[in-house]
Amino acid sequence: MEPDRTLAKEDVLMMLGACPERVRDYVSGLDENRLAYRHGPAFPTLREIVLHVSQTGAAADSALRHACVEGASEVDAMAALEPDLDGAEALAPALEKLEDMGRLRRRTMDLLRGLTATDWERVVSDPGMGELTVLDFCRLVAAHEMGHLSQVRNLTALLPD
């Protein structure tokens, strides 16, 4: 997985800041039955995507704080983008988890907006991806979240009336 280096820092900030609210806009009026609707065997449910976005967003935000606040030189970027849902997490109310992630993301956005140019170019190491800058890690997270936002939009369009 390679970061999209055509994304400017401002674009990345906009995408990261918008994701929780945009997902919430798509799913906030849906009841649990509609969130659990599976269009076909190969399709995830909206609930599964919302939980995944919430989990990965929280994990990515935690990794960013670990790198930017605690000064860690190693960040497990891949684990942040593809965390395993444990049993309790998989049963959590999806919209509540999304709200939790939104609150966490607002704090992360404050942190990111305060970074200097040097902070953005700081190199961190990922066990599977090698070295990447904080900006490249944010690019990966933003692209990942935008992909899931498209999934949410498409699946809401497929919901039966």
Protein backbone atom coordinates (compact mmCIF):
# COMPACT_ATOMS: atom_id res chain seq x y z
CA MET A 1 0.00 0.00 0.00
CA GLU A 2 1.50 3.28 -1.13
CA PRO A 3 0.41 6.73 0.04
CA ASP A 4 -1.01 9.05 -2.62
CA ARG A 5 1.64 11.76 -2.64
CA THR A 6 -0.49 13.97 -4.86
CA LEU A 7 -2.64 14.72 -1.82
CA ALA A 8 -1.53 17.98 -0.24
CA LYS A 9 -1.52 18.38 3.52
CA GLU A 10 -4.60 20.63 3.34
CA ASP A 11 -6.48 17.98 1.33
CA VAL A 12 -5.55 15.32 3.86
CA LEU A 13 -6.72 17.49 6.75
CA MET A 14 -10.03 18.16 5.02
CA MET A 15 -10.59 14.46 4.28
CA LEU A 16 -9.69 13.30 7.78
CA GLY A 17 -11.85 15.95 9.40
CA ALA A 18 -14.86 15.25 7.21
CA CYS A 19 -15.02 11.46 7.34
CA PRO A 20 -16.85 10.85 10.65
CA GLU A 21 -19.44 13.53 9.92
CA ARG A 22 -20.01 12.36 6.34
CA VAL A 23 -20.51 8.73 7.42
CA ARG A 24 -22.88 9.93 10.14
CA ASP A 25 -24.81 12.01 7.58
CA TYR A 26 -25.40 8.88 5.50
CA VAL A 27 -26.44 6.52 8.30
CA SER A 28 -27.86 8.63 11.14
CA GLY A 29 -31.52 8.12 10.23
CA LEU A 30 -31.23 4.36 9.76
CA ASP A 31 -32.57 1.86 12.28
CA GLU A 32 -30.71 -1.29 13.28
CA ASN A 33 -32.53 -3.42 10.68
CA ARG A 34 -31.46 -1.14 7.84
CA LEU A 35 -27.89 -0.97 9.19
CA ALA A 36 -27.83 -4.78 9.26
CA TYR A 37 -29.24 -5.20 5.73
CA ARG A 38 -26.91 -7.23 3.51
CA HIS A 39 -27.46 -6.58 -0.19
CA GLY A 40 -25.68 -9.78 -1.17
CA PRO A 41 -23.28 -12.38 0.22
CA ALA A 42 -20.18 -10.49 -0.92
CA PHE A 43 -21.37 -7.14 0.48
CA PRO A 44 -20.70 -5.91 4.00
CA THR A 45 -23.55 -4.40 5.97
CA LEU A 46 -23.59 -0.70 6.74
CA ARG A 47 -23.21 -1.63 10.40
CA GLU A 48 -20.02 -3.56 9.63
CA ILE A 49 -18.57 -0.66 7.66
CA VAL A 50 -19.49 1.89 10.33
CA LEU A 51 -17.85 -0.26 13.00
CA HIS A 52 -14.78 -0.74 10.81
CA VAL A 53 -14.45 2.99 10.06
CA SER A 54 -14.90 3.76 13.76
CA GLN A 55 -12.33 1.18 14.81
CA THR A 56 -9.74 2.08 12.19
CA GLY A 57 -10.24 5.79 12.75
CA ALA A 58 -9.69 5.42 16.49
CA ALA A 59 -6.64 3.18 15.92
CA ALA A 60 -5.13 5.60 13.39
CA ASP A 61 -5.76 8.57 15.69
CA SER A 62 -4.09 6.68 18.54
CA ALA A 63 -1.09 5.88 16.33
CA LEU A 64 -0.82 9.55 15.33
CA ARG A 65 -0.88 10.68 18.95
CA HIS A 66 1.72 8.01 19.75
CA ALA A 67 4.00 9.41 17.04
CA CYS A 68 3.30 13.14 17.40
CA VAL A 69 2.79 13.57 21.14
CA GLU A 70 4.85 10.75 22.59
CA GLY A 71 7.55 10.98 19.92
CA ALA A 72 7.43 7.29 19.02
CA SER A 73 9.58 6.34 16.05
CA GLU A 74 7.61 3.16 15.30
CA VAL A 75 3.95 3.16 14.30
CA ASP A 76 2.04 0.07 13.22
CA ALA A 77 0.21 1.72 10.32
CA MET A 78 -1.16 -1.50 8.86
CA ALA A 79 -2.60 -2.61 12.19
CA ALA A 80 -4.26 0.80 12.54
CA LEU A 81 -5.89 0.44 9.13
CA GLU A 82 -7.01 -3.17 9.55
CA PRO A 83 -7.61 -3.86 13.25
CA ASP A 84 -9.39 -7.00 14.34
CA LEU A 85 -12.83 -6.50 15.86
CA ASP A 86 -13.03 -8.42 19.09
CA GLY A 87 -16.35 -9.95 20.14
CA ALA A 88 -17.43 -7.03 22.34
CA GLU A 89 -16.46 -4.48 19.70
CA ALA A 90 -18.45 -6.31 17.01
CA LEU A 91 -21.57 -6.12 19.22
CA ALA A 92 -21.22 -2.43 20.08
CA PRO A 93 -23.88 -0.01 18.82
CA ALA A 94 -22.47 1.22 15.51
CA LEU A 95 -23.75 4.78 15.71
CA GLU A 96 -22.37 5.20 19.25
CA LYS A 97 -18.95 3.99 18.12
CA LEU A 98 -19.09 6.45 15.23
CA GLU A 99 -19.88 9.30 17.64
CA ASP A 100 -16.96 8.22 19.85
CA MET A 101 -14.65 8.22 16.84
CA GLY A 102 -15.94 11.67 15.81
CA ARG A 103 -15.05 13.11 19.23
CA LEU A 104 -11.61 11.52 19.08
CA ARG A 105 -11.06 12.74 15.52
CA ARG A 106 -11.85 16.34 16.50
CA ARG A 107 -9.04 16.18 19.09
CA THR A 108 -6.72 14.59 16.53
CA MET A 109 -7.52 17.35 14.04
CA ASP A 110 -6.52 19.96 16.63
CA LEU A 111 -3.24 18.10 17.08
CA LEU A 112 -2.60 17.84 13.33
CA ARG A 113 -3.40 21.49 12.68
CA GLY A 114 -0.75 22.42 15.25
CA LEU A 115 2.04 20.41 13.62
CA THR A 116 4.99 22.22 12.09
CA ALA A 117 6.36 21.44 8.63
CA THR A 118 9.14 19.47 10.33
CA ASP A 119 6.57 17.44 12.31
CA TRP A 120 4.72 16.51 9.10
CA GLU A 121 7.95 15.30 7.47
CA ARG A 122 9.08 13.35 10.54
CA VAL A 123 9.82 9.76 9.58
CA VAL A 124 8.24 6.89 11.47
CA SER A 125 8.83 3.21 10.88
CA ASP A 126 6.15 0.62 10.20
CA PRO A 127 7.05 -3.08 10.53
CA GLY A 128 5.42 -4.00 7.21
CA MET A 129 5.73 -0.80 5.22
CA GLY A 130 9.12 0.49 6.23
CA GLU A 131 9.67 4.20 6.70
CA LEU A 132 7.00 6.79 6.02
CA THR A 133 6.41 10.37 7.05
CA VAL A 134 3.60 11.45 9.34
CA LEU A 135 2.02 13.09 6.28
CA ASP A 136 2.25 9.83 4.31
CA PHE A 137 0.61 7.94 7.19
CA CYS A 138 -2.19 10.53 7.20
CA ARG A 139 -2.51 10.14 3.42
CA LEU A 140 -2.99 6.39 3.86
CA VAL A 141 -5.63 6.90 6.54
CA ALA A 142 -7.47 9.52 4.47
CA ALA A 143 -7.53 7.33 1.35
CA HIS A 144 -8.70 4.34 3.40
CA GLU A 145 -11.51 6.33 4.97
CA MET A 146 -12.61 7.89 1.69
CA GLY A 147 -12.87 4.42 0.17
CA HIS A 148 -15.18 3.35 2.98
CA LEU A 149 -17.17 6.57 2.69
CA SER A 150 -17.86 5.63 -0.94
CA GLN A 151 -18.94 2.18 0.22
CA VAL A 152 -21.35 3.70 2.73
CA ARG A 153 -22.81 6.00 0.09
CA ASN A 154 -23.24 3.14 -2.38
CA LEU A 155 -24.78 0.75 0.16
CA THR A 156 -27.27 3.33 1.39
CA ALA A 157 -28.41 3.70 -2.22
CA LEU A 158 -29.04 -0.06 -2.33
CA LEU A 159 -31.27 -0.18 0.75
CA PRO A 160 -34.79 -1.38 -0.01
CA ASP A 161 -37.59 1.15 0.50
